[in-house]
Amino acid sequence: MLKRMRISSILFMLFGVLSYIEAGKIRILRFGGEKIGADFFPKNLSILLIILSLCWLINDLLKKSESEKKKVTMEEIGRIAFFAVVFILYVFLLKYFGFIVTTIFLVFFNHILLRTEKVNIKILVLTSIYSIIVAIGMWYLFEKVFQMTFPSGIFW
């Protein structure tokens, strides 16, 4: 019987194949005479997903021993629920506050969520600075370098 990891990797690989096929149906628009069309990013992400899924499957097949089953704790379930709530809020608030503000909060809360050690004031300050740099850096890269538009929001 296939293990859960094998099934997951196969499903992700199938999703990658399907998304590649669907990306091929995107109407090709050439930007400024460049050879990169509108299907460039979706196709490359699909290929990356297929390659990573294949690596995941090969890694699982090469494992000699059965990994120990780990019991999920309530703290882990709480972290997953917190992430889901933060992400849903991010998607909802994106249209009101724009990409930069909402991304700062998303990165901040997820960085705090992933920390294993106790959070203190120094960590909060460093995480805030990190969140601001990541959000503005991503905005600059995609908005100014790649000339893609992000949601600006109603309020800001």
C-alpha atoms as a PDB file:
ATOM      1  CA  MET A   1       0.000   0.000   0.000  1.00  0.00           C
ATOM      2  CA  LEU A   2       1.313   3.428  -0.907  1.00  0.00           C
ATOM      3  CA  LYS A   3       2.333   5.656   1.930  1.00  0.00           C
ATOM      4  CA  ARG A   4       0.690   9.005   2.462  1.00  0.00           C
ATOM      5  CA  MET A   5       3.843  10.859   1.331  1.00  0.00           C
ATOM      6  CA  ARG A   6       3.930   8.945  -1.952  1.00  0.00           C
ATOM      7  CA  ILE A   7       0.284   9.703  -2.622  1.00  0.00           C
ATOM      8  CA  SER A   8       0.834  13.390  -1.825  1.00  0.00           C
ATOM      9  CA  SER A   9       3.837  13.659  -4.120  1.00  0.00           C
ATOM     10  CA  ILE A  10       1.982  11.952  -6.953  1.00  0.00           C
ATOM     11  CA  LEU A  11      -1.013  14.262  -6.498  1.00  0.00           C
ATOM     12  CA  PHE A  12       1.228  17.344  -6.535  1.00  0.00           C
ATOM     13  CA  MET A  13       2.931  16.015  -9.656  1.00  0.00           C
ATOM     14  CA  LEU A  14      -0.440  15.536 -11.369  1.00  0.00           C
ATOM     15  CA  PHE A  15      -1.457  19.041 -10.330  1.00  0.00           C
ATOM     16  CA  GLY A  16       1.772  20.349 -11.873  1.00  0.00           C
ATOM     17  CA  VAL A  17       1.054  18.537 -15.131  1.00  0.00           C
ATOM     18  CA  LEU A  18      -2.522  19.834 -15.230  1.00  0.00           C
ATOM     19  CA  SER A  19      -1.440  23.393 -14.474  1.00  0.00           C
ATOM     20  CA  TYR A  20       1.193  23.181 -17.224  1.00  0.00           C
ATOM     21  CA  ILE A  21      -1.458  22.034 -19.689  1.00  0.00           C
ATOM     22  CA  GLU A  22      -3.790  24.840 -18.618  1.00  0.00           C
ATOM     23  CA  ALA A  23      -0.964  27.400 -18.823  1.00  0.00           C
ATOM     24  CA  GLY A  24      -0.558  26.387 -22.455  1.00  0.00           C
ATOM     25  CA  LYS A  25      -4.080  27.680 -23.069  1.00  0.00           C
ATOM     26  CA  ILE A  26      -3.179  31.215 -21.986  1.00  0.00           C
ATOM     27  CA  ARG A  27      -3.428  33.649 -24.844  1.00  0.00           C
ATOM     28  CA  ILE A  28       0.097  34.552 -25.902  1.00  0.00           C
ATOM     29  CA  LEU A  29       0.847  38.256 -25.698  1.00  0.00           C
ATOM     30  CA  ARG A  30       4.323  39.471 -26.452  1.00  0.00           C
ATOM     31  CA  PHE A  31       5.575  42.259 -24.227  1.00  0.00           C
ATOM     32  CA  GLY A  32       7.662  44.794 -26.130  1.00  0.00           C
ATOM     33  CA  GLY A  33       8.869  42.269 -28.683  1.00  0.00           C
ATOM     34  CA  GLU A  34      10.252  40.008 -25.965  1.00  0.00           C
ATOM     35  CA  LYS A  35      10.021  36.257 -26.337  1.00  0.00           C
ATOM     36  CA  ILE A  36       8.540  35.902 -22.849  1.00  0.00           C
ATOM     37  CA  GLY A  37       4.782  35.629 -23.093  1.00  0.00           C
ATOM     38  CA  ALA A  38       1.997  35.629 -20.534  1.00  0.00           C
ATOM     39  CA  ASP A  39       2.418  31.881 -20.097  1.00  0.00           C
ATOM     40  CA  PHE A  40       6.069  32.120 -19.015  1.00  0.00           C
ATOM     41  CA  PHE A  41       5.609  32.219 -15.220  1.00  0.00           C
ATOM     42  CA  PRO A  42       2.746  29.683 -14.961  1.00  0.00           C
ATOM     43  CA  LYS A  43       4.602  27.171 -17.114  1.00  0.00           C
ATOM     44  CA  ASN A  44       7.863  27.566 -15.200  1.00  0.00           C
ATOM     45  CA  LEU A  45       6.102  27.254 -11.845  1.00  0.00           C
ATOM     46  CA  SER A  46       4.356  24.118 -13.092  1.00  0.00           C
ATOM     47  CA  ILE A  47       7.683  22.632 -14.188  1.00  0.00           C
ATOM     48  CA  LEU A  48       9.195  23.507 -10.807  1.00  0.00           C
ATOM     49  CA  LEU A  49       6.267  21.839  -9.034  1.00  0.00           C
ATOM     50  CA  ILE A  50       6.686  18.688 -11.136  1.00  0.00           C
ATOM     51  CA  ILE A  51      10.449  18.554 -10.447  1.00  0.00           C
ATOM     52  CA  LEU A  52      10.025  19.094  -6.695  1.00  0.00           C
ATOM     53  CA  SER A  53       7.254  16.500  -6.523  1.00  0.00           C
ATOM     54  CA  LEU A  54       9.455  14.024  -8.359  1.00  0.00           C
ATOM     55  CA  CYS A  55      12.306  14.705  -5.903  1.00  0.00           C
ATOM     56  CA  TRP A  56       9.860  14.233  -3.023  1.00  0.00           C
ATOM     57  CA  LEU A  57       8.705  10.891  -4.461  1.00  0.00           C
ATOM     58  CA  ILE A  58      12.266   9.663  -5.090  1.00  0.00           C
ATOM     59  CA  ASN A  59      13.296  10.701  -1.573  1.00  0.00           C
ATOM     60  CA  ASP A  60      10.371   8.790  -0.107  1.00  0.00           C
ATOM     61  CA  LEU A  61      11.116   5.685  -2.189  1.00  0.00           C
ATOM     62  CA  LEU A  62      14.787   5.675  -1.137  1.00  0.00           C
ATOM     63  CA  LYS A  63      14.079   5.794   2.583  1.00  0.00           C
ATOM     64  CA  LYS A  64      15.197   2.542   4.172  1.00  0.00           C
ATOM     65  CA  SER A  65      13.216   2.652   7.382  1.00  0.00           C
ATOM     66  CA  GLU A  66       9.690   3.662   8.148  1.00  0.00           C
ATOM     67  CA  SER A  67       9.668   7.056   9.801  1.00  0.00           C
ATOM     68  CA  GLU A  68       8.240   7.241  13.273  1.00  0.00           C
ATOM     69  CA  LYS A  69       4.712   8.482  13.432  1.00  0.00           C
ATOM     70  CA  LYS A  70       4.604  11.759  15.286  1.00  0.00           C
ATOM     71  CA  LYS A  71       1.532  12.722  17.226  1.00  0.00           C
ATOM     72  CA  VAL A  72       0.173  16.158  16.504  1.00  0.00           C
ATOM     73  CA  THR A  73       0.003  18.382  19.561  1.00  0.00           C
ATOM     74  CA  MET A  74      -2.637  20.984  20.331  1.00  0.00           C
ATOM     75  CA  GLU A  75       0.026  23.687  19.990  1.00  0.00           C
ATOM     76  CA  GLU A  76       0.696  22.620  16.399  1.00  0.00           C
ATOM     77  CA  ILE A  77      -3.022  22.589  15.606  1.00  0.00           C
ATOM     78  CA  GLY A  78      -3.288  26.063  17.116  1.00  0.00           C
ATOM     79  CA  ARG A  79      -0.416  27.305  14.953  1.00  0.00           C
ATOM     80  CA  ILE A  80      -2.054  25.930  11.821  1.00  0.00           C
ATOM     81  CA  ALA A  81      -5.389  27.519  12.752  1.00  0.00           C
ATOM     82  CA  PHE A  82      -3.670  30.834  13.488  1.00  0.00           C
ATOM     83  CA  PHE A  83      -1.907  30.751  10.119  1.00  0.00           C
ATOM     84  CA  ALA A  84      -5.202  30.024   8.346  1.00  0.00           C
ATOM     85  CA  VAL A  85      -6.913  32.951  10.098  1.00  0.00           C
ATOM     86  CA  VAL A  86      -4.014  35.330   9.321  1.00  0.00           C
ATOM     87  CA  PHE A  87      -3.961  34.244   5.672  1.00  0.00           C
ATOM     88  CA  ILE A  88      -7.735  34.642   5.265  1.00  0.00           C
ATOM     89  CA  LEU A  89      -7.502  38.107   6.834  1.00  0.00           C
ATOM     90  CA  TYR A  90      -4.617  38.903   4.475  1.00  0.00           C
ATOM     91  CA  VAL A  91      -6.670  38.016   1.416  1.00  0.00           C
ATOM     92  CA  PHE A  92      -9.696  39.954   2.704  1.00  0.00           C
ATOM     93  CA  LEU A  93      -7.758  43.080   3.780  1.00  0.00           C
ATOM     94  CA  LEU A  94      -5.595  43.195   0.642  1.00  0.00           C
ATOM     95  CA  LYS A  95      -8.217  45.127  -1.299  1.00  0.00           C
ATOM     96  CA  TYR A  96      -8.604  47.700   1.498  1.00  0.00           C
ATOM     97  CA  PHE A  97      -5.017  48.312   2.612  1.00  0.00           C
ATOM     98  CA  GLY A  98      -2.993  47.230  -0.418  1.00  0.00           C
ATOM     99  CA  PHE A  99      -0.084  44.898  -0.860  1.00  0.00           C
ATOM    100  CA  ILE A 100       2.624  46.545   1.235  1.00  0.00           C
ATOM    101  CA  VAL A 101       0.688  47.052   4.485  1.00  0.00           C
ATOM    102  CA  THR A 102      -1.021  43.667   4.493  1.00  0.00           C
ATOM    103  CA  THR A 103       2.147  41.827   3.487  1.00  0.00           C
ATOM    104  CA  ILE A 104       4.051  43.439   6.365  1.00  0.00           C
ATOM    105  CA  PHE A 105       1.492  42.019   8.793  1.00  0.00           C
ATOM    106  CA  LEU A 106       1.408  38.610   7.080  1.00  0.00           C
ATOM    107  CA  VAL A 107       5.201  38.245   7.194  1.00  0.00           C
ATOM    108  CA  PHE A 108       5.313  39.532  10.786  1.00  0.00           C
ATOM    109  CA  PHE A 109       2.701  37.133  12.169  1.00  0.00           C
ATOM    110  CA  ASN A 110       4.047  34.145  10.262  1.00  0.00           C
ATOM    111  CA  HIS A 111       7.597  34.869  11.399  1.00  0.00           C
ATOM    112  CA  ILE A 112       6.406  35.021  15.009  1.00  0.00           C
ATOM    113  CA  LEU A 113       4.333  31.882  14.453  1.00  0.00           C
ATOM    114  CA  LEU A 114       7.294  29.874  13.160  1.00  0.00           C
ATOM    115  CA  ARG A 115       9.589  30.830  16.041  1.00  0.00           C
ATOM    116  CA  THR A 116      10.276  28.063  18.509  1.00  0.00           C
ATOM    117  CA  GLU A 117      11.924  30.132  21.221  1.00  0.00           C
ATOM    118  CA  LYS A 118      10.214  32.653  23.457  1.00  0.00           C
ATOM    119  CA  VAL A 119       9.382  36.011  21.889  1.00  0.00           C
ATOM    120  CA  ASN A 120      10.781  39.150  23.527  1.00  0.00           C
ATOM    121  CA  ILE A 121      10.938  42.840  22.629  1.00  0.00           C
ATOM    122  CA  LYS A 122      14.204  42.490  20.685  1.00  0.00           C
ATOM    123  CA  ILE A 123      12.704  39.729  18.527  1.00  0.00           C
ATOM    124  CA  LEU A 124       9.555  41.798  17.928  1.00  0.00           C
ATOM    125  CA  VAL A 125      11.624  44.782  16.762  1.00  0.00           C
ATOM    126  CA  LEU A 126      13.833  42.649  14.498  1.00  0.00           C
ATOM    127  CA  THR A 127      10.796  40.840  13.101  1.00  0.00           C
ATOM    128  CA  SER A 128       9.108  44.171  12.378  1.00  0.00           C
ATOM    129  CA  ILE A 129      12.165  45.441  10.512  1.00  0.00           C
ATOM    130  CA  TYR A 130      12.455  42.139   8.631  1.00  0.00           C
ATOM    131  CA  SER A 131       8.760  42.256   7.665  1.00  0.00           C
ATOM    132  CA  ILE A 132       9.024  45.807   6.349  1.00  0.00           C
ATOM    133  CA  ILE A 133      12.146  45.021   4.319  1.00  0.00           C
ATOM    134  CA  VAL A 134      10.627  41.848   2.820  1.00  0.00           C
ATOM    135  CA  ALA A 135       7.322  43.517   1.878  1.00  0.00           C
ATOM    136  CA  ILE A 136       8.934  46.592   0.345  1.00  0.00           C
ATOM    137  CA  GLY A 137      11.584  44.460  -1.366  1.00  0.00           C
ATOM    138  CA  MET A 138       8.974  42.206  -2.941  1.00  0.00           C
ATOM    139  CA  TRP A 139       6.904  45.216  -3.994  1.00  0.00           C
ATOM    140  CA  TYR A 140       9.930  46.922  -5.551  1.00  0.00           C
ATOM    141  CA  LEU A 141      11.064  43.790  -7.374  1.00  0.00           C
ATOM    142  CA  PHE A 142       7.708  43.020  -8.939  1.00  0.00           C
ATOM    143  CA  GLU A 143       6.301  46.537  -9.304  1.00  0.00           C
ATOM    144  CA  LYS A 144       9.400  48.375 -10.519  1.00  0.00           C
ATOM    145  CA  VAL A 145      11.679  45.708 -12.019  1.00  0.00           C
ATOM    146  CA  PHE A 146       9.117  43.310 -13.538  1.00  0.00           C
ATOM    147  CA  GLN A 147       6.524  46.104 -14.001  1.00  0.00           C
ATOM    148  CA  MET A 148       3.678  44.078 -12.543  1.00  0.00           C
ATOM    149  CA  THR A 149       0.950  45.851 -10.596  1.00  0.00           C
ATOM    150  CA  PHE A 150      -0.078  44.935  -7.072  1.00  0.00           C
ATOM    151  CA  PRO A 151      -3.274  45.909  -5.290  1.00  0.00           C
ATOM    152  CA  SER A 152      -2.953  49.423  -3.910  1.00  0.00           C
ATOM    153  CA  GLY A 153      -5.964  49.318  -1.620  1.00  0.00           C
ATOM    154  CA  ILE A 154      -8.710  51.793  -0.871  1.00  0.00           C
ATOM    155  CA  PHE A 155      -7.264  53.341   2.275  1.00  0.00           C
ATOM    156  CA  TRP A 156      -3.562  53.270   1.416  1.00  0.00           C
END
